[in-house]
Amino acid sequence: MPASLIDYRAALSSPGAAGPVCASALGRLPIAMQSLAVLLYVREAQGSYAAAGAVSASLLVGVAAGMVVQGRLLDRLGPTRPLLLLVAAYLVLVTGLVVAIEAAVALPVVLAVALLAGLTTPAIEGSSRALWSDLVPAGPRREAAYTYEAISLETFFILGPALAAVLVLMTPWPGTALVVAAAAEIVGTAWFALTRAVRRRSARIRAARSSGVRTGDGGLLGVIRRPGLQTVALASLGFGLVVGTAEVGVLAAAAFAGAPAAGGVLLSGWSVVSVLAGVLYGLRPWPRSLHLRFPALLGGFALLVTTMGLVSPIGSLALLAVVMMLAGALITPQVTAHSLGVEQTAPTDSATEAFNWVVTAAVLGVSAGQSLAGVSVELLGPAGYAVGGALGTVVAGLLWLRRHGVARATTPVPAGART
């Protein structure tokens, strides 16, 4: 069911929504800022891109693993207490990371501290998304709320890296960006955890557990064992793969055309178009059936990115920009579909864990896509990143074969779980 502009306004102005919305905006700002801040910090402090890349990668691995573990804990214990404990642990470890970088300790030690800092980085993305099921009723307003979540994340991906670069290059100390990112993470998460709506949700989860109600899926893999959610995670993985290849490929194409600085401009415009298109798409989503959106949107996105790669050797940035903006219009609609897919395929009491699995899949896809693009561009030139787009079409084909699993998925609420 499409969401109107009235639904967006109604969702964001729902009773109890203002505090969590503002707090989560601050707490999620560092989502794309922290890793680049660490990379630039280590590069400036130690003069090595290899060491900087290794430390940044170690941090991202910790973040990806921590999202899944934290998601399960937050679903079972409620968000408030675990998030406050994570804030304390993260404060200690990110301080340790700064000290390790400044003291130029051995690289393995810095890698270990970065990994632990990533593991304890508070993952409030899933909790913020899951909270909307308490704040707004199912239907257009909730879909508008999930679209807002996708749009806000896309906005943070625009602002975060740019802010990190400015703080590193324009301030006397290269660690400024990391400290600012950590401060936003700590203050935003603590504020979010202490809002009335989040505390109310935590109390309800604790009451359900104390009454003997079983919450969440058991086992090592938890909720990701559900075939429908596996399909949503596969869609997120494919999306991340294509995005990662495009990000590296566009920079290579701009350098090939003799205007390296244009790469950053194109990527920023790409994200802006994504945000605007996401709002319009929410008014009239297509395809209407959610299980068909995954293969259709990823397939169209992958084909356009493949076309971007094929036109890059021409050296015309204007032509590349036209195709790129068309592709950018399909970014936020996919992220929104992933969020709606979580609601359709995962039980309500595992929403945070499920959403964090989907975000983790995207992070892994981006990392793989960037690595693949780096190798393919080295071997094939600026057209090389078309390989990533082609692989995205393969993933879209797999999603088409698995589409009925999402269509049949249900989210039954365990007996006694309603309050």
Protein backbone atom coordinates (compact mmCIF):
# COMPACT_ATOMS: atom_id res chain seq x y z
CA MET A 1 0.00 0.00 0.00
CA PRO A 2 1.61 3.32 -1.01
CA ALA A 3 2.42 5.99 1.56
CA SER A 4 1.50 9.63 1.06
CA LEU A 5 3.27 12.74 2.31
CA ILE A 6 0.58 12.94 4.99
CA ASP A 7 1.63 9.47 6.17
CA TYR A 8 5.26 10.61 6.49
CA ARG A 9 4.21 13.57 8.61
CA ALA A 10 1.84 11.48 10.70
CA ALA A 11 4.49 8.81 11.35
CA LEU A 12 7.20 11.24 12.40
CA SER A 13 4.82 13.23 14.61
CA SER A 14 3.35 10.17 16.34
CA PRO A 15 3.25 10.39 20.15
CA GLY A 16 6.61 9.36 21.58
CA ALA A 17 8.42 9.44 18.21
CA ALA A 18 10.26 12.78 18.48
CA GLY A 19 12.84 11.71 21.07
CA PRO A 20 13.87 8.40 19.44
CA VAL A 21 13.91 9.99 15.95
CA CYS A 22 16.29 12.78 17.01
CA ALA A 23 18.45 10.51 19.16
CA SER A 24 18.79 7.82 16.50
CA ALA A 25 19.68 10.47 13.91
CA LEU A 26 22.63 11.54 16.07
CA GLY A 27 23.60 7.98 16.97
CA ARG A 28 23.54 6.75 13.37
CA LEU A 29 25.46 9.65 11.86
CA PRO A 30 28.80 7.81 12.35
CA ILE A 31 27.60 4.70 10.46
CA ALA A 32 29.63 5.65 7.37
CA MET A 33 31.93 8.10 9.14
CA GLN A 34 33.77 5.99 11.69
CA SER A 35 35.64 3.60 9.38
CA LEU A 36 36.83 6.40 7.07
CA ALA A 37 37.81 8.48 10.11
CA VAL A 38 39.94 5.60 11.38
CA LEU A 39 41.49 5.00 7.95
CA LEU A 40 42.46 8.66 7.51
CA TYR A 41 43.64 8.93 11.11
CA VAL A 42 46.00 5.96 10.84
CA ARG A 43 47.21 7.14 7.43
CA GLU A 44 48.07 10.59 8.79
CA ALA A 45 49.58 9.28 12.03
CA GLN A 46 51.66 6.42 10.60
CA GLY A 47 51.99 7.27 6.90
CA SER A 48 50.88 3.85 5.66
CA TYR A 49 47.84 3.16 3.52
CA ALA A 50 48.33 -0.58 4.05
CA ALA A 51 48.18 -0.25 7.84
CA ALA A 52 45.29 2.23 7.60
CA GLY A 53 43.28 -0.12 5.38
CA ALA A 54 43.94 -3.07 7.68
CA VAL A 55 42.80 -1.19 10.79
CA SER A 56 39.69 0.12 9.03
CA ALA A 57 38.85 -3.36 7.75
CA SER A 58 39.29 -4.84 11.24
CA LEU A 59 36.89 -2.25 12.61
CA LEU A 60 34.30 -3.06 9.92
CA VAL A 61 34.55 -6.80 10.56
CA GLY A 62 33.86 -6.12 14.24
CA VAL A 63 30.90 -3.88 13.38
CA ALA A 64 29.38 -6.52 11.08
CA ALA A 65 29.74 -9.30 13.65
CA GLY A 66 28.60 -7.08 16.50
CA MET A 67 25.38 -6.12 14.71
CA VAL A 68 24.15 -9.72 14.65
CA VAL A 69 25.08 -10.52 18.26
CA GLN A 70 23.70 -7.24 19.55
CA GLY A 71 20.47 -7.68 17.60
CA ARG A 72 19.75 -10.95 19.36
CA LEU A 73 20.54 -9.50 22.79
CA LEU A 74 18.40 -6.42 22.21
CA ASP A 75 15.42 -8.55 21.18
CA ARG A 76 15.71 -10.74 24.25
CA LEU A 77 16.68 -8.22 26.93
CA GLY A 78 15.12 -5.03 25.59
CA PRO A 79 17.16 -2.16 24.14
CA THR A 80 17.79 0.08 27.16
CA ARG A 81 20.20 -1.82 29.42
CA PRO A 82 22.28 -3.54 26.70
CA LEU A 83 22.70 -0.28 24.78
CA LEU A 84 23.88 1.57 27.89
CA LEU A 85 26.39 -1.20 28.65
CA LEU A 86 27.59 -1.10 25.05
CA VAL A 87 28.05 2.66 25.28
CA ALA A 88 30.32 2.20 28.32
CA ALA A 89 32.35 -0.58 26.67
CA TYR A 90 32.63 1.34 23.41
CA LEU A 91 33.84 4.46 25.24
CA VAL A 92 36.67 2.45 26.84
CA LEU A 93 37.68 0.67 23.63
CA VAL A 94 37.55 3.66 21.28
CA THR A 95 39.68 5.55 23.81
CA GLY A 96 42.08 2.60 23.77
CA LEU A 97 42.15 2.73 19.97
CA VAL A 98 43.11 6.42 19.99
CA VAL A 99 45.85 5.73 22.55
CA ALA A 100 47.17 2.78 20.52
CA ILE A 101 47.33 4.85 17.33
CA GLU A 102 48.98 7.80 19.04
CA ALA A 103 51.54 5.56 20.75
CA ALA A 104 52.30 3.77 17.45
CA VAL A 105 52.04 0.36 19.12
CA ALA A 106 52.47 -2.84 17.12
CA LEU A 107 49.95 -3.24 14.30
CA PRO A 108 48.48 -6.54 15.62
CA VAL A 109 47.56 -4.77 18.87
CA VAL A 110 45.89 -1.91 16.99
CA LEU A 111 43.99 -4.44 14.86
CA ALA A 112 42.75 -6.27 17.95
CA VAL A 113 41.58 -3.08 19.65
CA ALA A 114 39.87 -1.92 16.43
CA LEU A 115 38.07 -5.27 16.17
CA LEU A 116 36.80 -5.00 19.75
CA ALA A 117 35.77 -1.37 19.21
CA GLY A 118 33.78 -2.51 16.18
CA LEU A 119 32.13 -5.32 18.13
CA THR A 120 30.96 -2.91 20.83
CA THR A 121 29.89 -0.10 18.48
CA PRO A 122 26.22 0.27 19.46
CA ALA A 123 24.01 -0.97 16.62
CA ILE A 124 20.87 1.10 17.08
CA GLU A 125 19.79 0.79 13.43
CA GLY A 126 17.73 -2.34 14.12
CA SER A 127 16.28 -1.00 17.36
CA SER A 128 15.27 2.25 15.69
CA ARG A 129 13.55 0.39 12.88
CA ALA A 130 11.84 -2.11 15.23
CA LEU A 131 10.49 0.67 17.46
CA TRP A 132 8.13 1.86 14.72
CA SER A 133 5.97 -1.23 15.27
CA ASP A 134 5.19 0.26 18.70
CA LEU A 135 4.71 3.84 17.53
CA VAL A 136 2.54 3.56 14.40
CA PRO A 137 -0.06 1.03 13.19
CA ALA A 138 0.58 -1.32 10.30
CA GLY A 139 -0.20 0.13 6.88
CA PRO A 140 0.88 3.23 4.95
CA ARG A 141 2.11 5.08 8.02
CA ARG A 142 4.44 2.29 9.04
CA GLU A 143 5.66 1.92 5.47
CA ALA A 144 6.34 5.66 5.48
CA ALA A 145 8.28 5.24 8.73
CA TYR A 146 10.41 2.48 7.19
CA THR A 147 11.01 4.64 4.12
CA TYR A 148 12.17 7.40 6.44
CA GLU A 149 14.61 4.95 8.02
CA ALA A 150 16.03 4.12 4.58
CA ILE A 151 16.23 7.77 3.55
CA SER A 152 17.90 8.83 6.80
CA LEU A 153 20.52 6.10 6.48
CA GLU A 154 21.22 7.22 2.92
CA THR A 155 21.59 10.80 4.18
CA PHE A 156 24.08 9.67 6.82
CA PHE A 157 26.07 7.88 4.14
CA ILE A 158 26.29 11.24 2.33
CA LEU A 159 27.19 13.38 5.34
CA GLY A 160 29.35 10.98 7.32
CA PRO A 161 32.33 10.44 4.98
CA ALA A 162 32.35 14.10 3.92
CA LEU A 163 32.39 15.26 7.54
CA ALA A 164 35.17 12.79 8.38
CA ALA A 165 37.34 14.04 5.53
CA VAL A 166 36.79 17.69 6.44
CA LEU A 167 37.62 17.14 10.11
CA VAL A 168 40.79 15.19 9.31
CA LEU A 169 42.08 17.65 6.73
CA MET A 170 40.94 20.94 8.27
CA THR A 171 41.78 20.46 11.96
CA PRO A 172 45.23 20.34 13.60
CA TRP A 173 44.82 16.78 14.90
CA PRO A 174 43.86 13.94 12.51
CA GLY A 175 42.05 12.08 15.27
CA THR A 176 39.36 14.76 15.51
CA ALA A 177 37.02 12.97 13.12
CA LEU A 178 37.16 9.73 15.12
CA VAL A 179 36.50 11.55 18.38
CA VAL A 180 33.53 13.43 16.89
CA ALA A 181 32.11 10.20 15.44
CA ALA A 182 32.53 8.40 18.77
CA ALA A 183 30.93 11.28 20.69
CA ALA A 184 27.91 11.28 18.38
CA GLU A 185 27.62 7.50 18.74
CA ILE A 186 27.82 7.63 22.53
CA VAL A 187 25.51 10.60 23.11
CA GLY A 188 22.96 9.55 20.49
CA THR A 189 22.79 5.93 21.68
CA ALA A 190 22.50 6.85 25.37
CA TRP A 191 19.78 9.38 24.56
CA PHE A 192 17.93 6.84 22.42
CA ALA A 193 18.14 4.13 25.10
CA LEU A 194 16.71 6.46 27.76
CA THR A 195 13.74 7.79 25.78
CA ARG A 196 10.34 6.88 27.15
CA ALA A 197 9.31 4.83 24.11
CA VAL A 198 12.46 2.69 24.23
CA ARG A 199 12.24 2.18 28.01
CA ARG A 200 8.60 1.16 27.60
CA ARG A 201 9.54 -1.37 24.94
CA SER A 202 12.31 -2.75 27.16
CA ALA A 203 9.94 -3.12 30.11
CA ARG A 204 7.44 -5.00 27.95
CA ILE A 205 10.11 -7.41 26.71
CA ARG A 206 11.37 -8.05 30.26
CA ALA A 207 7.80 -8.63 31.48
CA ALA A 208 7.22 -11.16 28.70
CA ARG A 209 10.42 -13.02 29.60
CA SER A 210 9.64 -13.05 33.31
CA SER A 211 6.24 -14.57 32.57
CA GLY A 212 7.89 -17.43 30.72
CA VAL A 213 7.16 -16.30 27.17
CA ARG A 214 9.82 -17.51 24.77
CA THR A 215 11.13 -14.75 22.49
CA GLY A 216 13.14 -15.04 19.32
CA ASP A 217 14.48 -18.03 17.39
CA GLY A 218 16.92 -20.31 19.16
CA GLY A 219 20.07 -21.96 17.85
CA LEU A 220 23.36 -20.50 16.74
CA LEU A 221 21.95 -18.83 13.62
CA GLY A 222 18.74 -17.64 15.25
CA VAL A 223 16.20 -15.92 13.02
CA ILE A 224 18.33 -16.12 9.87
CA ARG A 225 17.36 -19.80 9.60
CA ARG A 226 14.02 -18.65 8.18
CA PRO A 227 14.07 -19.07 4.38
CA GLY A 228 12.12 -15.87 3.76
CA LEU A 229 14.58 -13.78 5.75
CA GLN A 230 17.46 -15.51 3.97
CA THR A 231 15.99 -14.20 0.71
CA VAL A 232 15.80 -10.66 2.10
CA ALA A 233 19.41 -10.93 3.29
CA LEU A 234 20.43 -12.21 -0.15
CA ALA A 235 18.79 -9.16 -1.72
CA SER A 236 20.70 -6.92 0.69
CA LEU A 237 23.96 -8.74 -0.07
CA GLY A 238 23.44 -8.32 -3.82
CA PHE A 239 22.56 -4.66 -3.36
CA GLY A 240 25.74 -4.06 -1.34
CA LEU A 241 27.82 -5.91 -3.92
CA VAL A 242 26.60 -3.68 -6.75
CA VAL A 243 26.93 -0.47 -4.69
CA GLY A 244 30.48 -1.37 -3.65
CA THR A 245 31.62 -1.99 -7.21
CA ALA A 246 29.99 1.24 -8.42
CA GLU A 247 31.62 3.37 -5.71
CA VAL A 248 35.12 2.25 -6.71
CA GLY A 249 34.33 2.14 -10.43
CA VAL A 250 33.04 5.70 -10.61
CA LEU A 251 36.20 7.03 -8.99
CA ALA A 252 38.27 5.06 -11.51
CA ALA A 253 36.15 6.32 -14.40
CA ALA A 254 36.55 9.93 -13.27
CA ALA A 255 40.33 9.51 -13.04
CA PHE A 256 40.36 7.93 -16.53
CA ALA A 257 38.45 10.96 -17.86
CA GLY A 258 41.08 13.27 -16.39
CA ALA A 259 38.88 14.73 -13.61
CA PRO A 260 39.52 12.71 -10.42
CA ALA A 261 37.65 15.20 -8.22
CA ALA A 262 34.49 14.65 -10.27
CA GLY A 263 34.19 11.15 -8.82
CA GLY A 264 33.24 12.48 -5.40
CA VAL A 265 30.78 14.93 -6.93
CA LEU A 266 29.10 12.14 -8.91
CA LEU A 267 28.80 9.90 -5.85
CA SER A 268 27.29 12.73 -3.81
CA GLY A 269 24.78 13.49 -6.57
CA TRP A 270 24.00 9.78 -6.76
CA SER A 271 23.04 9.73 -3.09
CA VAL A 272 20.99 12.94 -3.33
CA VAL A 273 19.01 11.50 -6.25
CA SER A 274 18.50 8.33 -4.21
CA VAL A 275 16.99 10.28 -1.31
CA LEU A 276 14.64 12.29 -3.53
CA ALA A 277 13.59 9.25 -5.55
CA GLY A 278 12.97 7.33 -2.33
CA VAL A 279 10.37 9.86 -1.19
CA LEU A 280 8.59 9.78 -4.55
CA TYR A 281 8.79 5.99 -4.77
CA GLY A 282 7.05 5.70 -1.41
CA LEU A 283 4.03 7.47 -2.92
CA ARG A 284 3.61 4.79 -5.61
CA PRO A 285 5.87 1.76 -5.08
CA TRP A 286 6.45 -0.72 -7.90
CA PRO A 287 6.06 -3.65 -8.16
CA ARG A 288 3.15 -3.56 -5.75
CA SER A 289 3.85 -7.09 -4.49
CA LEU A 290 6.84 -6.98 -2.12
CA HIS A 291 8.23 -10.38 -3.12
CA LEU A 292 8.56 -9.15 -6.72
CA ARG A 293 10.35 -5.94 -5.75
CA PHE A 294 13.55 -7.73 -4.72
CA PRO A 295 14.43 -9.24 -8.12
CA ALA A 296 12.94 -6.35 -10.13
CA LEU A 297 14.69 -3.52 -8.28
CA LEU A 298 18.04 -5.30 -7.93
CA GLY A 299 17.90 -6.47 -11.55
CA GLY A 300 17.25 -2.96 -12.85
CA PHE A 301 19.90 -1.49 -10.57
CA ALA A 302 22.51 -4.09 -11.61
CA LEU A 303 21.81 -3.56 -15.32
CA LEU A 304 22.22 0.20 -14.99
CA VAL A 305 25.49 -0.17 -13.07
CA THR A 306 26.68 -2.60 -15.75
CA THR A 307 25.84 0.07 -18.32
CA MET A 308 27.80 2.60 -16.26
CA GLY A 309 30.84 0.37 -16.51
CA LEU A 310 30.43 -0.12 -20.24
CA VAL A 311 30.18 3.63 -20.98
CA SER A 312 33.09 4.57 -18.67
CA PRO A 313 35.83 3.90 -21.29
CA ILE A 314 34.21 6.51 -23.55
CA GLY A 315 35.48 9.17 -21.15
CA SER A 316 32.25 11.20 -21.17
CA LEU A 317 31.38 12.09 -17.57
CA ALA A 318 28.11 13.65 -18.75
CA LEU A 319 26.93 10.34 -20.22
CA LEU A 320 28.11 8.49 -17.13
CA ALA A 321 26.23 10.95 -14.92
CA VAL A 322 22.94 10.39 -16.78
CA VAL A 323 23.10 6.61 -16.41
CA MET A 324 24.35 6.96 -12.85
CA MET A 325 21.45 9.15 -11.74
CA LEU A 326 18.99 6.65 -13.20
CA ALA A 327 20.67 3.93 -11.17
CA GLY A 328 20.68 6.13 -8.07
CA ALA A 329 16.90 6.39 -8.24
CA LEU A 330 16.73 2.67 -7.37
CA ILE A 331 18.90 2.79 -4.23
CA THR A 332 16.50 3.91 -1.49
CA PRO A 333 13.55 1.87 -2.89
CA GLN A 334 15.66 -1.26 -2.38
CA VAL A 335 16.67 -0.36 1.18
CA THR A 336 13.00 0.34 1.96
CA ALA A 337 11.98 -3.02 0.47
CA HIS A 338 14.57 -4.78 2.65
CA SER A 339 13.08 -3.14 5.74
CA LEU A 340 9.55 -4.14 4.75
CA GLY A 341 10.84 -7.64 3.98
CA VAL A 342 12.04 -7.98 7.56
CA GLU A 343 8.52 -7.23 8.81
CA GLN A 344 7.03 -9.84 6.47
CA THR A 345 9.52 -12.66 7.08
CA ALA A 346 10.65 -12.33 10.72
CA PRO A 347 8.66 -12.63 13.96
CA THR A 348 7.96 -9.41 15.78
CA ASP A 349 10.06 -10.39 18.79
CA SER A 350 13.15 -10.88 16.59
CA ALA A 351 12.81 -7.73 14.47
CA THR A 352 16.04 -6.14 15.70
CA GLU A 353 18.14 -9.25 15.12
CA ALA A 354 16.54 -9.79 11.71
CA PHE A 355 17.15 -6.22 10.56
CA ASN A 356 20.75 -6.34 11.78
CA TRP A 357 21.29 -9.53 9.72
CA VAL A 358 20.09 -7.61 6.66
CA VAL A 359 22.36 -4.63 7.41
CA THR A 360 25.29 -7.00 7.98
CA ALA A 361 24.64 -8.62 4.60
CA ALA A 362 24.79 -5.18 2.97
CA VAL A 363 28.06 -4.33 4.74
CA LEU A 364 29.62 -7.61 3.60
CA GLY A 365 28.34 -7.03 0.07
CA VAL A 366 29.84 -3.53 -0.08
CA SER A 367 33.19 -4.83 1.16
CA ALA A 368 33.21 -7.65 -1.41
CA GLY A 369 32.12 -5.28 -4.17
CA GLN A 370 34.84 -2.78 -3.43
CA SER A 371 37.49 -5.52 -3.43
CA LEU A 372 36.14 -7.00 -6.66
CA ALA A 373 36.04 -3.60 -8.36
CA GLY A 374 39.60 -2.84 -7.32
CA VAL A 375 40.87 -6.05 -8.93
CA SER A 376 38.68 -5.82 -12.05
CA VAL A 377 39.57 -2.17 -12.71
CA GLU A 378 43.26 -3.01 -12.41
CA LEU A 379 42.87 -5.82 -14.94
CA LEU A 380 40.29 -4.38 -17.35
CA GLY A 381 40.48 -0.63 -16.94
CA PRO A 382 37.51 1.64 -16.11
CA ALA A 383 35.05 -0.81 -17.67
CA GLY A 384 36.05 -3.46 -15.15
CA TYR A 385 33.41 -2.64 -12.59
CA ALA A 386 30.73 -3.79 -15.03
CA VAL A 387 31.63 -7.24 -13.70
CA GLY A 388 30.05 -6.32 -10.35
CA GLY A 389 26.86 -5.20 -12.07
CA ALA A 390 26.75 -8.47 -14.01
CA LEU A 391 27.07 -10.45 -10.78
CA GLY A 392 24.22 -8.38 -9.38
CA THR A 393 21.97 -9.58 -12.22
CA VAL A 394 22.87 -13.16 -11.26
CA VAL A 395 21.78 -12.46 -7.67
CA ALA A 396 18.57 -10.92 -9.03
CA GLY A 397 17.94 -14.18 -10.89
CA LEU A 398 18.38 -16.14 -7.67
CA LEU A 399 15.93 -13.80 -5.95
CA TRP A 400 13.40 -14.48 -8.68
CA LEU A 401 13.74 -18.22 -8.06
CA ARG A 402 13.31 -17.69 -4.30
CA ARG A 403 10.51 -15.10 -4.51
CA HIS A 404 7.72 -17.44 -3.36
CA GLY A 405 9.45 -17.97 -0.01
CA VAL A 406 8.95 -14.28 0.80
CA ALA A 407 5.38 -14.30 -0.51
CA ARG A 408 4.43 -17.21 1.75
CA ALA A 409 6.26 -15.94 4.82
CA THR A 410 4.16 -15.14 7.88
CA THR A 411 5.02 -13.57 11.21
CA PRO A 412 2.98 -15.32 13.90
CA VAL A 413 3.11 -13.83 17.37
CA PRO A 414 3.80 -16.46 20.09
CA ALA A 415 0.93 -17.09 22.45
CA GLY A 416 1.08 -14.71 25.37
CA ALA A 417 3.47 -12.30 23.68
CA ARG A 418 0.87 -9.57 23.20
CA THR A 419 0.41 -7.07 25.97
